[in-house]
Amino acid sequence: MTATASLSPKQAQLVFRAVLDALARPGEVLGLPSIAAPGVPAALLPVLALADLDTPVHVDDCADVVRTQTSAPIVDRPAARLAALLKPLDGLAGFSVGSATAPEDAALISLAVEGFGGGRPLRLAGPGVPGRRELRVAGLPADFVARRRDLISFPAGFDLLLVGPGGELVGLPRSTRVEEGA
């Protein structure tokens, strides 16, 4: 994929704020700011805003853009602290989940999905979710809930950003319980 992107400091701050809001309100469909970045998938914007030369990054596409714009080292999944999965989900395994004594070593993963409102129903509960919340996500594999549950043991685990093609943004922090919806 050929893409060019350079976020101004103001744009990076807006993306950072959107990421914080999404993680603070799990399951609520929010949005990334509209940023003119030709050919850059929306799911790459959190990486472009958050990465720097000290942040190990894993991307499955657009590595040259990330390297050029952020100077971040591009690494394999186990070493990544920030990741963008832009292709259809082939699994979340292999990323660092930190540990009970060092949960900060876990990865933040930005995952491209087909969209929200259709697709498989998920029920969410936990901190930041008033009561329970239902979310419909298109583009997740049938075993997403089981895979995620197997990989997360709070406080260890990874934080997940689901990003639709139009910049729709949903945060799923590791503290959020996700179950199959009805």
N, C-alpha and C. Protein backbone atom coordinates (compact mmCIF):
# COMPACT_ATOMS: atom_id res chain seq x y z
N MET A 1 0.84 -1.16 0.00
CA MET A 1 0.00 0.00 0.00
C MET A 1 0.89 1.23 0.00
N THR A 2 0.56 2.17 -0.85
CA THR A 2 1.28 3.43 -0.88
C THR A 2 0.46 4.44 -0.11
N ALA A 3 1.05 5.01 0.88
CA ALA A 3 0.34 5.98 1.71
C ALA A 3 1.34 7.03 2.17
N THR A 4 0.81 8.21 2.37
CA THR A 4 1.63 9.27 2.94
C THR A 4 0.85 9.89 4.09
N ALA A 5 1.52 10.18 5.14
CA ALA A 5 0.85 10.81 6.28
C ALA A 5 1.87 11.53 7.12
N SER A 6 1.49 12.67 7.56
CA SER A 6 2.29 13.39 8.53
C SER A 6 1.31 14.14 9.39
N LEU A 7 1.21 13.76 10.65
CA LEU A 7 0.29 14.43 11.55
C LEU A 7 0.98 15.63 12.17
N SER A 8 0.29 16.74 12.14
CA SER A 8 0.80 17.92 12.85
C SER A 8 0.68 17.65 14.35
N PRO A 9 1.38 18.41 15.17
CA PRO A 9 1.21 18.22 16.62
C PRO A 9 -0.25 18.36 17.06
N LYS A 10 -0.97 19.30 16.48
CA LYS A 10 -2.39 19.49 16.83
C LYS A 10 -3.21 18.26 16.44
N GLN A 11 -2.97 17.72 15.24
CA GLN A 11 -3.69 16.52 14.80
C GLN A 11 -3.37 15.33 15.70
N ALA A 12 -2.11 15.18 16.05
CA ALA A 12 -1.71 14.08 16.93
C ALA A 12 -2.40 14.21 18.29
N GLN A 13 -2.52 15.43 18.80
CA GLN A 13 -3.21 15.65 20.07
C GLN A 13 -4.68 15.28 19.97
N LEU A 14 -5.32 15.61 18.84
CA LEU A 14 -6.73 15.27 18.65
C LEU A 14 -6.93 13.76 18.59
N VAL A 15 -6.03 13.06 17.92
CA VAL A 15 -6.12 11.59 17.86
C VAL A 15 -5.89 11.01 19.25
N PHE A 16 -4.89 11.51 19.96
CA PHE A 16 -4.61 11.05 21.32
C PHE A 16 -5.83 11.23 22.22
N ARG A 17 -6.48 12.38 22.13
CA ARG A 17 -7.68 12.65 22.94
C ARG A 17 -8.79 11.66 22.59
N ALA A 18 -8.97 11.37 21.30
CA ALA A 18 -10.00 10.42 20.87
C ALA A 18 -9.71 9.02 21.42
N VAL A 19 -8.43 8.62 21.41
CA VAL A 19 -8.04 7.31 21.95
C VAL A 19 -8.34 7.26 23.45
N LEU A 20 -7.97 8.30 24.18
CA LEU A 20 -8.26 8.35 25.62
C LEU A 20 -9.75 8.26 25.89
N ASP A 21 -10.54 9.02 25.13
CA ASP A 21 -12.00 8.99 25.31
C ASP A 21 -12.55 7.60 25.03
N ALA A 22 -12.07 6.96 23.99
CA ALA A 22 -12.57 5.62 23.63
C ALA A 22 -12.24 4.60 24.72
N LEU A 23 -11.05 4.67 25.28
CA LEU A 23 -10.68 3.72 26.33
C LEU A 23 -11.39 4.03 27.64
N ALA A 24 -11.77 5.29 27.86
CA ALA A 24 -12.50 5.67 29.07
C ALA A 24 -13.98 5.31 28.99
N ARG A 25 -14.49 5.14 27.76
CA ARG A 25 -15.91 4.81 27.56
C ARG A 25 -16.02 3.57 26.68
N PRO A 26 -15.65 2.42 27.23
CA PRO A 26 -15.61 1.18 26.44
C PRO A 26 -16.93 0.87 25.75
N GLY A 27 -16.82 0.50 24.49
CA GLY A 27 -17.99 0.07 23.73
C GLY A 27 -18.80 1.18 23.12
N GLU A 28 -18.51 2.42 23.46
CA GLU A 28 -19.23 3.55 22.87
C GLU A 28 -18.57 3.90 21.54
N VAL A 29 -19.40 4.01 20.50
CA VAL A 29 -18.85 4.33 19.18
C VAL A 29 -18.57 5.83 19.12
N LEU A 30 -17.30 6.16 19.07
CA LEU A 30 -16.85 7.54 18.98
C LEU A 30 -16.22 7.71 17.60
N GLY A 31 -15.40 8.71 17.43
CA GLY A 31 -14.77 8.90 16.13
C GLY A 31 -13.39 9.52 16.25
N LEU A 32 -12.55 9.13 15.31
CA LEU A 32 -11.25 9.79 15.18
C LEU A 32 -11.47 11.12 14.47
N PRO A 33 -10.63 12.11 14.71
CA PRO A 33 -10.80 13.37 13.99
C PRO A 33 -10.57 13.18 12.50
N SER A 34 -11.26 13.99 11.71
CA SER A 34 -11.07 13.93 10.25
C SER A 34 -9.72 14.56 9.93
N ILE A 35 -8.85 13.74 9.39
CA ILE A 35 -7.50 14.19 9.05
C ILE A 35 -7.22 13.80 7.62
N ALA A 36 -6.81 14.75 6.82
CA ALA A 36 -6.48 14.46 5.43
C ALA A 36 -5.16 13.72 5.37
N ALA A 37 -5.24 12.43 5.18
CA ALA A 37 -4.05 11.59 5.08
C ALA A 37 -4.29 10.60 3.94
N PRO A 38 -4.00 11.01 2.71
CA PRO A 38 -4.31 10.18 1.55
C PRO A 38 -3.72 8.77 1.64
N GLY A 39 -4.59 7.79 1.46
CA GLY A 39 -4.16 6.40 1.42
C GLY A 39 -3.84 5.79 2.77
N VAL A 40 -4.04 6.53 3.85
CA VAL A 40 -3.73 6.01 5.19
C VAL A 40 -5.01 5.48 5.82
N PRO A 41 -5.04 4.19 6.14
CA PRO A 41 -6.22 3.64 6.80
C PRO A 41 -6.43 4.29 8.17
N ALA A 42 -7.69 4.47 8.53
CA ALA A 42 -8.01 5.11 9.81
C ALA A 42 -7.37 4.38 10.99
N ALA A 43 -7.27 3.06 10.92
CA ALA A 43 -6.70 2.29 12.03
C ALA A 43 -5.21 2.56 12.24
N LEU A 44 -4.57 3.21 11.29
CA LEU A 44 -3.15 3.55 11.45
C LEU A 44 -2.96 4.87 12.21
N LEU A 45 -3.99 5.71 12.25
CA LEU A 45 -3.84 7.03 12.87
C LEU A 45 -3.41 6.97 14.34
N PRO A 46 -3.97 6.06 15.18
CA PRO A 46 -3.47 6.02 16.56
C PRO A 46 -1.97 5.73 16.66
N VAL A 47 -1.47 4.87 15.80
CA VAL A 47 -0.04 4.57 15.80
C VAL A 47 0.76 5.80 15.39
N LEU A 48 0.32 6.50 14.35
CA LEU A 48 1.03 7.69 13.90
C LEU A 48 1.02 8.78 14.98
N ALA A 49 -0.04 8.84 15.76
CA ALA A 49 -0.14 9.87 16.80
C ALA A 49 0.64 9.51 18.06
N LEU A 50 0.73 8.23 18.39
CA LEU A 50 1.30 7.82 19.67
C LEU A 50 2.75 7.33 19.61
N ALA A 51 3.19 6.86 18.46
CA ALA A 51 4.53 6.26 18.37
C ALA A 51 5.62 7.32 18.32
N ASP A 52 6.77 6.93 18.85
CA ASP A 52 7.97 7.76 18.74
C ASP A 52 9.17 6.83 18.64
N LEU A 53 10.36 7.37 18.65
CA LEU A 53 11.54 6.54 18.42
C LEU A 53 11.83 5.55 19.54
N ASP A 54 11.15 5.69 20.68
CA ASP A 54 11.32 4.75 21.79
C ASP A 54 10.18 3.74 21.91
N THR A 55 9.24 3.78 20.98
CA THR A 55 8.07 2.90 21.05
C THR A 55 8.16 1.80 20.00
N PRO A 56 8.37 0.55 20.40
CA PRO A 56 8.39 -0.54 19.43
C PRO A 56 6.99 -0.76 18.85
N VAL A 57 6.90 -0.77 17.52
CA VAL A 57 5.63 -0.84 16.81
C VAL A 57 5.59 -2.06 15.91
N HIS A 58 4.41 -2.70 15.86
CA HIS A 58 4.17 -3.77 14.89
C HIS A 58 3.01 -3.32 13.99
N VAL A 59 3.21 -3.40 12.69
CA VAL A 59 2.14 -3.13 11.73
C VAL A 59 2.17 -4.23 10.68
N ASP A 60 0.98 -4.57 10.17
CA ASP A 60 0.94 -5.59 9.13
C ASP A 60 0.91 -4.97 7.74
N ASP A 61 0.94 -3.65 7.67
CA ASP A 61 0.99 -2.92 6.41
C ASP A 61 1.43 -1.49 6.73
N CYS A 62 1.93 -0.78 5.77
CA CYS A 62 2.34 0.62 5.92
C CYS A 62 3.53 0.82 6.86
N ALA A 63 4.40 -0.16 6.99
CA ALA A 63 5.56 -0.03 7.88
C ALA A 63 6.44 1.15 7.49
N ASP A 64 6.60 1.39 6.19
CA ASP A 64 7.44 2.51 5.76
C ASP A 64 6.88 3.85 6.22
N VAL A 65 5.55 3.99 6.17
CA VAL A 65 4.92 5.23 6.62
C VAL A 65 5.18 5.44 8.10
N VAL A 66 4.99 4.39 8.89
CA VAL A 66 5.20 4.50 10.34
C VAL A 66 6.66 4.83 10.64
N ARG A 67 7.57 4.13 10.00
CA ARG A 67 9.00 4.36 10.24
C ARG A 67 9.39 5.79 9.85
N THR A 68 8.93 6.25 8.70
CA THR A 68 9.29 7.58 8.21
C THR A 68 8.70 8.69 9.08
N GLN A 69 7.44 8.55 9.46
CA GLN A 69 6.75 9.62 10.17
C GLN A 69 7.00 9.65 11.67
N THR A 70 7.35 8.51 12.26
CA THR A 70 7.48 8.46 13.72
C THR A 70 8.88 8.10 14.20
N SER A 71 9.70 7.57 13.32
CA SER A 71 11.03 7.04 13.66
C SER A 71 10.96 5.86 14.62
N ALA A 72 9.78 5.28 14.77
CA ALA A 72 9.61 4.15 15.68
C ALA A 72 10.23 2.90 15.08
N PRO A 73 10.83 2.06 15.93
CA PRO A 73 11.35 0.78 15.43
C PRO A 73 10.19 -0.16 15.11
N ILE A 74 10.27 -0.81 13.96
CA ILE A 74 9.25 -1.78 13.54
C ILE A 74 9.72 -3.15 14.01
N VAL A 75 8.88 -3.83 14.79
CA VAL A 75 9.27 -5.08 15.45
C VAL A 75 8.22 -6.16 15.23
N ASP A 76 8.57 -7.39 15.61
CA ASP A 76 7.60 -8.48 15.60
C ASP A 76 6.63 -8.31 16.77
N ARG A 77 5.53 -9.05 16.73
CA ARG A 77 4.48 -8.92 17.73
C ARG A 77 4.95 -8.97 19.19
N PRO A 78 5.76 -9.94 19.59
CA PRO A 78 6.09 -10.04 21.03
C PRO A 78 6.78 -8.79 21.60
N ALA A 79 7.51 -8.07 20.78
CA ALA A 79 8.25 -6.90 21.27
C ALA A 79 7.45 -5.60 21.15
N ALA A 80 6.32 -5.62 20.47
CA ALA A 80 5.55 -4.40 20.21
C ALA A 80 4.82 -3.91 21.46
N ARG A 81 4.81 -2.60 21.63
CA ARG A 81 4.00 -1.98 22.67
C ARG A 81 2.84 -1.22 22.04
N LEU A 82 2.90 -1.05 20.74
CA LEU A 82 1.86 -0.38 19.97
C LEU A 82 1.75 -1.12 18.65
N ALA A 83 0.52 -1.36 18.19
CA ALA A 83 0.35 -2.14 16.96
C ALA A 83 -0.85 -1.65 16.18
N ALA A 84 -0.80 -1.85 14.87
CA ALA A 84 -1.94 -1.61 13.99
C ALA A 84 -2.10 -2.84 13.11
N LEU A 85 -3.26 -3.46 13.19
CA LEU A 85 -3.60 -4.59 12.33
C LEU A 85 -4.62 -4.09 11.33
N LEU A 86 -4.17 -3.92 10.08
CA LEU A 86 -4.99 -3.29 9.06
C LEU A 86 -5.67 -4.29 8.14
N LYS A 87 -5.18 -5.50 8.12
CA LYS A 87 -5.75 -6.55 7.28
C LYS A 87 -6.76 -7.34 8.09
N PRO A 88 -7.55 -8.18 7.42
CA PRO A 88 -8.51 -8.99 8.19
C PRO A 88 -7.82 -9.71 9.34
N LEU A 89 -8.49 -9.73 10.46
CA LEU A 89 -7.92 -10.26 11.69
C LEU A 89 -7.45 -11.69 11.53
N ASP A 90 -6.17 -11.90 11.76
CA ASP A 90 -5.61 -13.25 11.73
C ASP A 90 -5.25 -13.70 13.13
N GLY A 91 -5.71 -12.97 14.10
CA GLY A 91 -5.47 -13.36 15.48
C GLY A 91 -4.75 -12.28 16.27
N LEU A 92 -5.01 -12.28 17.54
CA LEU A 92 -4.39 -11.32 18.45
C LEU A 92 -3.25 -11.94 19.24
N ALA A 93 -3.03 -13.22 19.05
CA ALA A 93 -1.98 -13.92 19.79
C ALA A 93 -0.61 -13.39 19.39
N GLY A 94 0.31 -13.49 20.33
CA GLY A 94 1.69 -13.12 20.05
C GLY A 94 2.08 -11.76 20.57
N PHE A 95 1.09 -10.92 20.92
CA PHE A 95 1.41 -9.60 21.45
C PHE A 95 1.68 -9.69 22.95
N SER A 96 2.49 -8.79 23.44
CA SER A 96 2.78 -8.75 24.87
C SER A 96 1.52 -8.39 25.65
N VAL A 97 1.28 -9.12 26.73
CA VAL A 97 0.14 -8.83 27.61
C VAL A 97 0.63 -8.31 28.96
N GLY A 98 1.92 -8.06 29.07
CA GLY A 98 2.47 -7.61 30.34
C GLY A 98 2.35 -8.71 31.38
N SER A 99 2.34 -8.32 32.64
CA SER A 99 2.21 -9.29 33.74
C SER A 99 1.52 -8.60 34.90
N ALA A 100 1.25 -9.35 35.95
CA ALA A 100 0.61 -8.76 37.13
C ALA A 100 1.49 -7.68 37.75
N THR A 101 2.80 -7.84 37.66
CA THR A 101 3.71 -6.86 38.24
C THR A 101 4.15 -5.78 37.26
N ALA A 102 3.94 -6.00 35.97
CA ALA A 102 4.32 -5.01 34.95
C ALA A 102 3.26 -4.94 33.85
N PRO A 103 2.03 -4.55 34.18
CA PRO A 103 0.98 -4.50 33.16
C PRO A 103 1.25 -3.44 32.09
N GLU A 104 2.10 -2.47 32.42
CA GLU A 104 2.43 -1.43 31.44
C GLU A 104 3.24 -1.95 30.26
N ASP A 105 3.73 -3.18 30.34
CA ASP A 105 4.47 -3.77 29.23
C ASP A 105 3.56 -4.34 28.14
N ALA A 106 2.26 -4.23 28.33
CA ALA A 106 1.30 -4.77 27.36
C ALA A 106 1.18 -3.88 26.13
N ALA A 107 0.66 -4.45 25.07
CA ALA A 107 0.48 -3.72 23.82
C ALA A 107 -0.87 -3.01 23.78
N LEU A 108 -0.91 -1.91 23.05
CA LEU A 108 -2.14 -1.25 22.64
C LEU A 108 -2.28 -1.56 21.16
N ILE A 109 -3.39 -2.22 20.79
CA ILE A 109 -3.57 -2.69 19.42
C ILE A 109 -4.72 -1.93 18.77
N SER A 110 -4.46 -1.33 17.61
CA SER A 110 -5.48 -0.68 16.80
C SER A 110 -5.86 -1.67 15.70
N LEU A 111 -7.10 -2.10 15.70
CA LEU A 111 -7.57 -3.16 14.81
C LEU A 111 -8.62 -2.64 13.84
N ALA A 112 -8.36 -2.76 12.56
CA ALA A 112 -9.34 -2.36 11.54
C ALA A 112 -10.49 -3.37 11.51
N VAL A 113 -11.72 -2.86 11.55
CA VAL A 113 -12.92 -3.69 11.42
C VAL A 113 -13.75 -3.12 10.27
N GLU A 114 -14.76 -3.90 9.85
CA GLU A 114 -15.59 -3.46 8.72
C GLU A 114 -16.57 -2.37 9.11
N GLY A 115 -16.95 -2.31 10.38
CA GLY A 115 -17.87 -1.27 10.82
C GLY A 115 -18.63 -1.67 12.06
N PHE A 116 -19.56 -0.79 12.46
CA PHE A 116 -20.35 -0.98 13.67
C PHE A 116 -21.83 -0.86 13.32
N GLY A 117 -22.67 -1.44 14.15
CA GLY A 117 -24.11 -1.38 13.92
C GLY A 117 -24.63 -2.66 13.30
N GLY A 118 -23.80 -3.35 12.55
CA GLY A 118 -24.15 -4.66 11.99
C GLY A 118 -23.13 -5.65 12.49
N GLY A 119 -23.27 -6.88 12.08
CA GLY A 119 -22.29 -7.88 12.50
C GLY A 119 -22.64 -8.51 13.82
N ARG A 120 -21.66 -9.16 14.42
CA ARG A 120 -21.89 -9.95 15.63
C ARG A 120 -22.14 -9.06 16.84
N PRO A 121 -23.14 -9.44 17.68
CA PRO A 121 -23.40 -8.67 18.89
C PRO A 121 -22.46 -9.07 20.03
N LEU A 122 -21.99 -8.08 20.74
CA LEU A 122 -21.15 -8.29 21.92
C LEU A 122 -21.80 -7.57 23.10
N ARG A 123 -21.71 -8.17 24.28
CA ARG A 123 -22.17 -7.53 25.51
C ARG A 123 -20.94 -7.15 26.33
N LEU A 124 -20.93 -5.91 26.78
CA LEU A 124 -19.77 -5.39 27.51
C LEU A 124 -20.18 -4.99 28.92
N ALA A 125 -19.26 -5.18 29.86
CA ALA A 125 -19.46 -4.75 31.24
C ALA A 125 -18.09 -4.44 31.83
N GLY A 126 -18.09 -3.66 32.89
CA GLY A 126 -16.84 -3.35 33.57
C GLY A 126 -16.66 -1.86 33.76
N PRO A 127 -15.49 -1.44 34.22
CA PRO A 127 -15.24 -0.02 34.47
C PRO A 127 -15.46 0.82 33.21
N GLY A 128 -16.17 1.93 33.37
CA GLY A 128 -16.45 2.82 32.26
C GLY A 128 -17.70 2.47 31.48
N VAL A 129 -18.31 1.31 31.78
CA VAL A 129 -19.53 0.89 31.10
C VAL A 129 -20.68 1.02 32.10
N PRO A 130 -21.62 1.93 31.85
CA PRO A 130 -22.75 2.06 32.77
C PRO A 130 -23.67 0.85 32.65
N GLY A 131 -23.65 -0.02 33.64
CA GLY A 131 -24.45 -1.25 33.56
C GLY A 131 -23.84 -2.21 32.55
N ARG A 132 -24.60 -2.44 31.50
CA ARG A 132 -24.12 -3.28 30.39
C ARG A 132 -24.31 -2.50 29.10
N ARG A 133 -23.50 -2.80 28.12
CA ARG A 133 -23.63 -2.14 26.82
C ARG A 133 -23.55 -3.21 25.75
N GLU A 134 -24.40 -3.08 24.74
CA GLU A 134 -24.31 -3.99 23.59
C GLU A 134 -23.65 -3.25 22.44
N LEU A 135 -22.81 -3.96 21.74
CA LEU A 135 -22.08 -3.40 20.61
C LEU A 135 -22.12 -4.41 19.48
N ARG A 136 -22.38 -3.95 18.29
CA ARG A 136 -22.34 -4.83 17.11
C ARG A 136 -21.13 -4.43 16.27
N VAL A 137 -20.32 -5.43 15.95
CA VAL A 137 -19.09 -5.18 15.20
C VAL A 137 -19.04 -6.11 14.00
N ALA A 138 -18.89 -5.56 12.82
CA ALA A 138 -18.73 -6.36 11.60
C ALA A 138 -17.24 -6.52 11.32
N GLY A 139 -16.85 -7.73 10.98
CA GLY A 139 -15.46 -7.97 10.61
C GLY A 139 -14.63 -8.66 11.66
N LEU A 140 -15.25 -9.12 12.74
CA LEU A 140 -14.53 -9.90 13.75
C LEU A 140 -14.73 -11.38 13.47
N PRO A 141 -13.73 -12.21 13.73
CA PRO A 141 -13.91 -13.65 13.51
C PRO A 141 -14.90 -14.23 14.52
N ALA A 142 -15.46 -15.37 14.19
CA ALA A 142 -16.47 -16.00 15.04
C ALA A 142 -15.96 -16.29 16.44
N ASP A 143 -14.68 -16.55 16.59
CA ASP A 143 -14.14 -16.90 17.91
C ASP A 143 -13.43 -15.73 18.60
N PHE A 144 -13.75 -14.51 18.22
CA PHE A 144 -13.09 -13.33 18.80
C PHE A 144 -13.20 -13.30 20.32
N VAL A 145 -14.40 -13.51 20.86
CA VAL A 145 -14.61 -13.41 22.31
C VAL A 145 -13.75 -14.43 23.04
N ALA A 146 -13.75 -15.67 22.56
CA ALA A 146 -12.95 -16.72 23.21
C ALA A 146 -11.46 -16.43 23.11
N ARG A 147 -11.01 -15.97 21.93
CA ARG A 147 -9.58 -15.65 21.77
C ARG A 147 -9.15 -14.55 22.74
N ARG A 148 -9.96 -13.50 22.80
CA ARG A 148 -9.62 -12.37 23.68
C ARG A 148 -9.59 -12.82 25.13
N ARG A 149 -10.60 -13.58 25.54
CA ARG A 149 -10.67 -14.07 26.93
C ARG A 149 -9.44 -14.90 27.28
N ASP A 150 -8.98 -15.73 26.35
CA ASP A 150 -7.81 -16.57 26.59
C ASP A 150 -6.52 -15.76 26.76
N LEU A 151 -6.48 -14.57 26.18
CA LEU A 151 -5.26 -13.77 26.19
C LEU A 151 -5.20 -12.73 27.30
N ILE A 152 -6.33 -12.50 27.98
CA ILE A 152 -6.38 -11.44 28.97
C ILE A 152 -6.63 -12.00 30.36
N SER A 153 -5.78 -11.60 31.30
CA SER A 153 -5.94 -11.95 32.71
C SER A 153 -5.58 -10.69 33.50
N PHE A 154 -6.58 -9.82 33.70
CA PHE A 154 -6.35 -8.52 34.31
C PHE A 154 -5.54 -8.65 35.60
N PRO A 155 -4.51 -7.82 35.84
CA PRO A 155 -4.18 -6.60 35.12
C PRO A 155 -3.36 -6.82 33.85
N ALA A 156 -2.93 -8.04 33.61
CA ALA A 156 -2.23 -8.31 32.34
C ALA A 156 -3.28 -8.37 31.22
N GLY A 157 -2.84 -8.14 30.02
CA GLY A 157 -3.73 -8.15 28.86
C GLY A 157 -3.36 -7.01 27.95
N PHE A 158 -4.04 -6.90 26.85
CA PHE A 158 -3.78 -5.79 25.93
C PHE A 158 -5.03 -4.92 25.85
N ASP A 159 -4.84 -3.68 25.46
CA ASP A 159 -5.95 -2.77 25.23
C ASP A 159 -6.18 -2.73 23.73
N LEU A 160 -7.45 -2.68 23.34
CA LEU A 160 -7.80 -2.82 21.93
C LEU A 160 -8.61 -1.61 21.47
N LEU A 161 -8.25 -1.08 20.31
CA LEU A 161 -9.02 -0.05 19.64
C LEU A 161 -9.60 -0.67 18.38
N LEU A 162 -10.92 -0.69 18.25
CA LEU A 162 -11.56 -1.15 17.03
C LEU A 162 -11.82 0.08 16.19
N VAL A 163 -11.36 0.07 14.93
CA VAL A 163 -11.45 1.26 14.09
C VAL A 163 -12.14 0.90 12.78
N GLY A 164 -13.26 1.58 12.52
CA GLY A 164 -13.99 1.38 11.27
C GLY A 164 -13.34 2.16 10.14
N PRO A 165 -13.73 1.85 8.90
CA PRO A 165 -13.09 2.49 7.74
C PRO A 165 -13.31 4.00 7.66
N GLY A 166 -14.38 4.49 8.28
CA GLY A 166 -14.65 5.92 8.27
C GLY A 166 -14.12 6.65 9.50
N GLY A 167 -13.29 5.96 10.29
CA GLY A 167 -12.72 6.57 11.48
C GLY A 167 -13.54 6.36 12.74
N GLU A 168 -14.60 5.53 12.67
CA GLU A 168 -15.35 5.20 13.88
C GLU A 168 -14.39 4.49 14.83
N LEU A 169 -14.50 4.78 16.11
CA LEU A 169 -13.53 4.29 17.08
C LEU A 169 -14.23 3.76 18.32
N VAL A 170 -13.86 2.53 18.73
CA VAL A 170 -14.39 1.92 19.94
C VAL A 170 -13.21 1.38 20.74
N GLY A 171 -13.16 1.71 22.02
CA GLY A 171 -12.11 1.19 22.89
C GLY A 171 -12.59 -0.02 23.67
N LEU A 172 -11.73 -1.01 23.78
CA LEU A 172 -11.96 -2.19 24.62
C LEU A 172 -10.73 -2.39 25.50
N PRO A 173 -10.68 -1.69 26.64
CA PRO A 173 -9.55 -1.90 27.54
C PRO A 173 -9.56 -3.31 28.10
N ARG A 174 -8.43 -3.75 28.59
CA ARG A 174 -8.32 -5.11 29.14
C ARG A 174 -9.25 -5.34 30.32
N SER A 175 -9.68 -4.29 30.99
CA SER A 175 -10.57 -4.43 32.15
C SER A 175 -12.04 -4.64 31.76
N THR A 176 -12.36 -4.50 30.48
CA THR A 176 -13.73 -4.68 30.01
C THR A 176 -14.02 -6.15 29.78
N ARG A 177 -15.12 -6.63 30.35
CA ARG A 177 -15.56 -8.00 30.10
C ARG A 177 -16.38 -8.01 28.82
N VAL A 178 -16.04 -8.91 27.92
CA VAL A 178 -16.73 -9.03 26.64
C VAL A 178 -17.32 -10.43 26.54
N GLU A 179 -18.62 -10.50 26.24
CA GLU A 179 -19.32 -11.77 26.08
C GLU A 179 -20.07 -11.76 24.76
N GLU A 180 -20.43 -12.96 24.30
CA GLU A 180 -21.27 -13.07 23.11
C GLU A 180 -22.62 -12.44 23.42
N GLY A 181 -23.14 -11.65 22.49
CA GLY A 181 -24.46 -11.06 22.65
C GLY A 181 -25.54 -12.00 22.17
N ALA A 182 -26.77 -11.60 22.42
CA ALA A 182 -27.91 -12.44 22.02
C ALA A 182 -28.38 -12.09 20.63
